[in-house]
């Protein structure tokens, strides 16, 4: 699970909601802050590109320091985890939770 927000230089980004959902689902969770580049996105010139991400794991074993990674590094990390998440889903260990369970 990944919670994404725009990087405006903030030192902290609360992510308790996604950490709780990830704990219940048995999945890792990350918070990723993206920073707009000074140039346009080559795939869609209506938007600015992203020049970096600041990322930290929020579940399990939360990290307290942000890691700065390039868009290519973040894409590789997501791709690497996607295979493991797909295996988890196919294992039958995934269950859906009622809203009351999540908000406890």
N, C-alpha and C. Protein backbone atom coordinates (compact mmCIF):
# COMPACT_ATOMS: atom_id res chain seq x y z
N UNK A 1 0.85 -1.15 0.00
CA UNK A 1 0.00 0.00 0.00
C UNK A 1 0.90 1.23 0.00
N UNK A 2 0.47 2.24 -0.73
CA UNK A 2 1.28 3.46 -0.82
C UNK A 2 0.35 4.66 -0.68
N UNK A 3 0.68 5.52 0.27
CA UNK A 3 -0.01 6.80 0.39
C UNK A 3 0.90 7.83 -0.26
N UNK A 4 0.34 8.60 -1.17
CA UNK A 4 1.13 9.55 -1.94
C UNK A 4 0.64 10.97 -1.67
N UNK A 5 1.58 11.90 -1.55
CA UNK A 5 1.24 13.30 -1.35
C UNK A 5 2.32 14.16 -2.01
N UNK A 6 2.00 15.39 -2.26
CA UNK A 6 2.95 16.31 -2.86
C UNK A 6 3.97 16.73 -1.81
N UNK A 7 5.22 16.76 -2.20
CA UNK A 7 6.31 17.18 -1.31
C UNK A 7 6.42 18.70 -1.37
N UNK A 8 6.08 19.32 -0.26
CA UNK A 8 6.22 20.78 -0.16
C UNK A 8 7.24 21.14 0.92
N UNK A 9 8.15 20.19 1.19
CA UNK A 9 9.20 20.42 2.17
C UNK A 9 8.81 20.08 3.60
N UNK A 10 7.65 19.45 3.77
CA UNK A 10 7.20 19.12 5.12
C UNK A 10 8.13 18.09 5.77
N UNK A 11 8.31 18.23 7.08
CA UNK A 11 9.14 17.29 7.81
C UNK A 11 8.40 16.02 8.16
N UNK A 12 7.08 16.12 8.29
CA UNK A 12 6.28 14.96 8.70
C UNK A 12 5.05 14.85 7.83
N UNK A 13 4.56 13.64 7.68
CA UNK A 13 3.31 13.36 6.97
C UNK A 13 2.62 12.25 7.72
N UNK A 14 1.57 12.55 8.48
CA UNK A 14 0.87 11.48 9.20
C UNK A 14 0.37 10.42 8.23
N UNK A 15 0.59 9.16 8.59
CA UNK A 15 0.16 8.05 7.74
C UNK A 15 -0.40 6.93 8.61
N UNK A 16 -1.05 7.29 9.70
CA UNK A 16 -1.56 6.28 10.63
C UNK A 16 -2.69 5.46 10.00
N UNK A 17 -3.48 6.09 9.14
CA UNK A 17 -4.59 5.36 8.50
C UNK A 17 -4.09 4.23 7.62
N UNK A 18 -3.17 4.53 6.74
CA UNK A 18 -2.67 3.49 5.84
C UNK A 18 -1.86 2.45 6.61
N UNK A 19 -1.17 2.86 7.67
CA UNK A 19 -0.42 1.89 8.49
C UNK A 19 -1.39 0.90 9.14
N UNK A 20 -2.53 1.38 9.62
CA UNK A 20 -3.53 0.50 10.24
C UNK A 20 -4.13 -0.46 9.21
N UNK A 21 -4.45 0.06 8.03
CA UNK A 21 -5.00 -0.80 6.97
C UNK A 21 -3.99 -1.87 6.56
N UNK A 22 -2.73 -1.47 6.43
CA UNK A 22 -1.69 -2.42 6.03
C UNK A 22 -1.50 -3.50 7.09
N UNK A 23 -1.54 -3.11 8.35
CA UNK A 23 -1.40 -4.09 9.44
C UNK A 23 -2.52 -5.11 9.36
N UNK A 24 -3.76 -4.65 9.17
CA UNK A 24 -4.89 -5.56 9.07
C UNK A 24 -4.80 -6.48 7.86
N UNK A 25 -4.29 -5.94 6.75
CA UNK A 25 -4.21 -6.72 5.51
C UNK A 25 -2.95 -7.58 5.44
N UNK A 26 -2.01 -7.34 6.34
CA UNK A 26 -0.76 -8.09 6.30
C UNK A 26 0.12 -7.67 5.13
N UNK A 27 0.04 -6.40 4.75
CA UNK A 27 0.82 -5.88 3.62
C UNK A 27 1.76 -4.79 4.09
N UNK A 28 2.85 -4.58 3.39
CA UNK A 28 3.71 -3.44 3.73
C UNK A 28 3.06 -2.14 3.27
N UNK A 29 3.39 -1.05 3.94
CA UNK A 29 2.84 0.25 3.56
C UNK A 29 3.95 1.29 3.56
N UNK A 30 3.85 2.20 2.60
CA UNK A 30 4.83 3.26 2.43
C UNK A 30 4.12 4.59 2.26
N UNK A 31 4.82 5.64 2.64
CA UNK A 31 4.37 7.00 2.35
C UNK A 31 5.38 7.56 1.36
N UNK A 32 4.89 8.08 0.25
CA UNK A 32 5.76 8.62 -0.80
C UNK A 32 5.36 10.06 -1.08
N UNK A 33 6.29 10.97 -0.94
CA UNK A 33 6.07 12.38 -1.28
C UNK A 33 6.77 12.66 -2.60
N UNK A 34 6.06 13.28 -3.55
CA UNK A 34 6.66 13.57 -4.85
C UNK A 34 6.89 15.07 -4.99
N UNK A 35 7.97 15.44 -5.69
CA UNK A 35 8.28 16.85 -5.93
C UNK A 35 8.21 17.12 -7.42
N UNK A 36 7.50 18.17 -7.78
CA UNK A 36 7.41 18.55 -9.19
C UNK A 36 8.76 19.05 -9.70
N UNK A 37 9.05 18.69 -10.93
CA UNK A 37 10.26 19.15 -11.61
C UNK A 37 10.01 20.53 -12.21
N UNK A 38 11.08 21.16 -12.65
CA UNK A 38 10.97 22.47 -13.31
C UNK A 38 10.67 22.33 -14.80
N UNK A 39 10.44 21.11 -15.27
CA UNK A 39 10.21 20.86 -16.69
C UNK A 39 8.93 20.04 -16.86
N UNK A 40 8.41 20.06 -18.07
CA UNK A 40 7.17 19.36 -18.37
C UNK A 40 7.38 17.85 -18.45
N UNK A 41 6.33 17.11 -18.18
CA UNK A 41 6.35 15.66 -18.31
C UNK A 41 6.37 15.33 -19.80
N UNK A 42 7.35 14.57 -20.28
CA UNK A 42 7.41 14.29 -21.72
C UNK A 42 6.23 13.45 -22.22
N UNK A 43 5.58 12.71 -21.33
CA UNK A 43 4.43 11.88 -21.74
C UNK A 43 3.16 12.71 -21.85
N UNK A 44 3.07 13.82 -21.12
CA UNK A 44 1.89 14.68 -21.16
C UNK A 44 2.33 16.09 -20.79
N UNK A 45 2.54 16.90 -21.78
CA UNK A 45 3.10 18.25 -21.60
C UNK A 45 2.20 19.20 -20.81
N UNK A 46 0.96 18.79 -20.50
CA UNK A 46 0.09 19.64 -19.69
C UNK A 46 0.52 19.63 -18.22
N UNK A 47 1.38 18.69 -17.85
CA UNK A 47 1.77 18.51 -16.46
C UNK A 47 3.28 18.61 -16.30
N UNK A 48 3.71 19.07 -15.15
CA UNK A 48 5.13 19.04 -14.84
C UNK A 48 5.53 17.61 -14.46
N UNK A 49 6.77 17.28 -14.75
CA UNK A 49 7.28 15.95 -14.41
C UNK A 49 7.59 15.89 -12.92
N UNK A 50 8.00 14.73 -12.44
CA UNK A 50 8.42 14.53 -11.05
C UNK A 50 9.92 14.33 -11.07
N UNK A 51 10.64 15.07 -10.22
CA UNK A 51 12.10 14.92 -10.23
C UNK A 51 12.63 14.10 -9.06
N UNK A 52 11.80 13.88 -8.02
CA UNK A 52 12.25 13.03 -6.92
C UNK A 52 11.08 12.61 -6.04
N UNK A 53 11.33 11.58 -5.28
CA UNK A 53 10.39 11.13 -4.24
C UNK A 53 11.14 11.10 -2.92
N UNK A 54 10.42 11.38 -1.84
CA UNK A 54 10.91 11.08 -0.49
C UNK A 54 9.99 9.98 0.01
N UNK A 55 10.58 8.89 0.48
CA UNK A 55 9.82 7.68 0.79
C UNK A 55 10.22 7.16 2.17
N UNK A 56 9.23 6.64 2.89
CA UNK A 56 9.54 5.88 4.11
C UNK A 56 8.48 4.81 4.31
N UNK A 57 8.92 3.70 4.90
CA UNK A 57 8.01 2.60 5.22
C UNK A 57 7.27 2.98 6.50
N UNK A 58 5.95 2.76 6.51
CA UNK A 58 5.15 3.06 7.70
C UNK A 58 4.62 1.80 8.36
N UNK A 59 4.71 0.64 7.66
CA UNK A 59 4.34 -0.65 8.25
C UNK A 59 4.95 -1.77 7.44
N UNK A 60 5.46 -2.83 7.94
CA UNK A 60 5.89 -3.02 9.33
C UNK A 60 7.23 -2.32 9.55
N UNK A 61 7.71 -2.32 10.74
CA UNK A 61 8.99 -1.70 11.09
C UNK A 61 9.10 -0.30 10.51
N UNK A 62 8.29 0.63 11.02
CA UNK A 62 8.27 1.99 10.47
C UNK A 62 9.65 2.64 10.45
N UNK A 63 9.90 3.36 9.37
CA UNK A 63 11.14 4.14 9.26
C UNK A 63 10.81 5.58 9.68
N UNK A 64 11.76 6.21 10.31
CA UNK A 64 11.51 7.57 10.78
C UNK A 64 12.25 8.62 9.97
N UNK A 65 13.14 8.17 9.10
CA UNK A 65 13.88 9.08 8.23
C UNK A 65 13.39 8.88 6.79
N UNK A 66 13.28 9.97 6.06
CA UNK A 66 12.90 9.91 4.66
C UNK A 66 14.10 9.47 3.83
N UNK A 67 13.85 8.63 2.82
CA UNK A 67 14.85 8.28 1.81
C UNK A 67 14.50 9.04 0.55
N UNK A 68 15.46 9.69 -0.06
CA UNK A 68 15.23 10.41 -1.31
C UNK A 68 15.64 9.50 -2.46
N UNK A 69 14.71 9.28 -3.39
CA UNK A 69 14.96 8.40 -4.54
C UNK A 69 14.49 9.07 -5.82
N UNK A 70 15.09 8.68 -6.91
CA UNK A 70 14.69 9.19 -8.22
C UNK A 70 13.40 8.49 -8.66
N UNK A 71 12.70 9.05 -9.63
CA UNK A 71 11.52 8.36 -10.16
C UNK A 71 11.85 6.96 -10.68
N UNK A 72 13.00 6.78 -11.31
CA UNK A 72 13.38 5.46 -11.82
C UNK A 72 13.60 4.48 -10.66
N UNK A 73 14.26 4.94 -9.59
CA UNK A 73 14.48 4.07 -8.43
C UNK A 73 13.15 3.67 -7.79
N UNK A 74 12.24 4.62 -7.67
CA UNK A 74 10.93 4.33 -7.06
C UNK A 74 10.14 3.35 -7.93
N UNK A 75 10.21 3.54 -9.25
CA UNK A 75 9.51 2.62 -10.17
C UNK A 75 10.06 1.20 -10.03
N UNK A 76 11.38 1.06 -9.91
CA UNK A 76 11.97 -0.28 -9.73
C UNK A 76 11.50 -0.91 -8.42
N UNK A 77 11.44 -0.12 -7.35
CA UNK A 77 11.01 -0.64 -6.05
C UNK A 77 9.56 -1.10 -6.10
N UNK A 78 8.70 -0.31 -6.73
CA UNK A 78 7.28 -0.67 -6.84
C UNK A 78 7.13 -1.95 -7.66
N UNK A 79 7.86 -2.04 -8.75
CA UNK A 79 7.79 -3.22 -9.62
C UNK A 79 8.25 -4.47 -8.87
N UNK A 80 9.30 -4.34 -8.09
CA UNK A 80 9.83 -5.47 -7.32
C UNK A 80 8.78 -5.96 -6.31
N UNK A 81 8.09 -5.04 -5.65
CA UNK A 81 7.07 -5.41 -4.66
C UNK A 81 5.79 -5.91 -5.31
N UNK A 82 5.51 -5.50 -6.51
CA UNK A 82 4.25 -5.90 -7.17
C UNK A 82 4.15 -7.41 -7.31
N UNK A 83 5.24 -8.07 -7.64
CA UNK A 83 5.22 -9.53 -7.76
C UNK A 83 4.89 -10.20 -6.45
N UNK A 84 5.48 -9.72 -5.37
CA UNK A 84 5.20 -10.29 -4.04
C UNK A 84 3.76 -10.05 -3.63
N UNK A 85 3.23 -8.88 -3.93
CA UNK A 85 1.84 -8.58 -3.58
C UNK A 85 0.87 -9.45 -4.37
N UNK A 86 1.19 -9.69 -5.63
CA UNK A 86 0.35 -10.56 -6.44
C UNK A 86 0.32 -11.98 -5.89
N UNK A 87 1.46 -12.47 -5.45
CA UNK A 87 1.51 -13.80 -4.85
C UNK A 87 0.68 -13.84 -3.58
N UNK A 88 0.75 -12.78 -2.79
CA UNK A 88 -0.02 -12.69 -1.54
C UNK A 88 -1.52 -12.76 -1.86
N UNK A 89 -1.95 -12.02 -2.86
CA UNK A 89 -3.37 -12.00 -3.22
C UNK A 89 -3.83 -13.37 -3.72
N UNK A 90 -3.00 -14.05 -4.52
CA UNK A 90 -3.36 -15.36 -5.06
C UNK A 90 -3.35 -16.46 -4.00
N UNK A 91 -2.69 -16.21 -2.87
CA UNK A 91 -2.59 -17.23 -1.83
C UNK A 91 -3.90 -17.44 -1.08
N UNK A 92 -4.82 -16.51 -1.23
CA UNK A 92 -6.08 -16.62 -0.51
C UNK A 92 -6.01 -16.04 0.89
N UNK A 93 -4.89 -15.41 1.24
CA UNK A 93 -4.74 -14.83 2.57
C UNK A 93 -5.28 -13.41 2.65
N UNK A 94 -5.98 -12.98 1.65
CA UNK A 94 -6.52 -11.63 1.63
C UNK A 94 -7.98 -11.68 2.05
N UNK A 95 -8.36 -10.82 2.96
CA UNK A 95 -9.76 -10.74 3.33
C UNK A 95 -10.16 -9.29 3.41
N UNK A 96 -11.42 -9.00 3.19
CA UNK A 96 -11.92 -7.65 3.25
C UNK A 96 -12.46 -7.37 4.64
N UNK A 97 -12.28 -6.17 5.10
CA UNK A 97 -12.65 -5.79 6.46
C UNK A 97 -13.84 -4.85 6.44
N UNK A 98 -14.63 -4.95 7.47
CA UNK A 98 -15.73 -4.02 7.68
C UNK A 98 -15.13 -2.70 8.15
N UNK A 99 -15.82 -1.61 7.84
CA UNK A 99 -15.34 -0.30 8.24
C UNK A 99 -15.12 -0.21 9.76
N UNK A 100 -16.00 -0.84 10.54
CA UNK A 100 -15.87 -0.80 12.01
C UNK A 100 -14.57 -1.46 12.48
N UNK A 101 -14.10 -2.49 11.76
CA UNK A 101 -12.85 -3.16 12.15
C UNK A 101 -11.65 -2.26 11.87
N UNK A 102 -11.71 -1.54 10.77
CA UNK A 102 -10.59 -0.70 10.35
C UNK A 102 -10.46 0.50 11.27
N UNK A 103 -11.58 1.05 11.72
CA UNK A 103 -11.55 2.29 12.50
C UNK A 103 -11.34 2.08 13.99
N UNK A 104 -11.07 0.87 14.42
CA UNK A 104 -10.86 0.62 15.85
C UNK A 104 -9.61 1.26 16.35
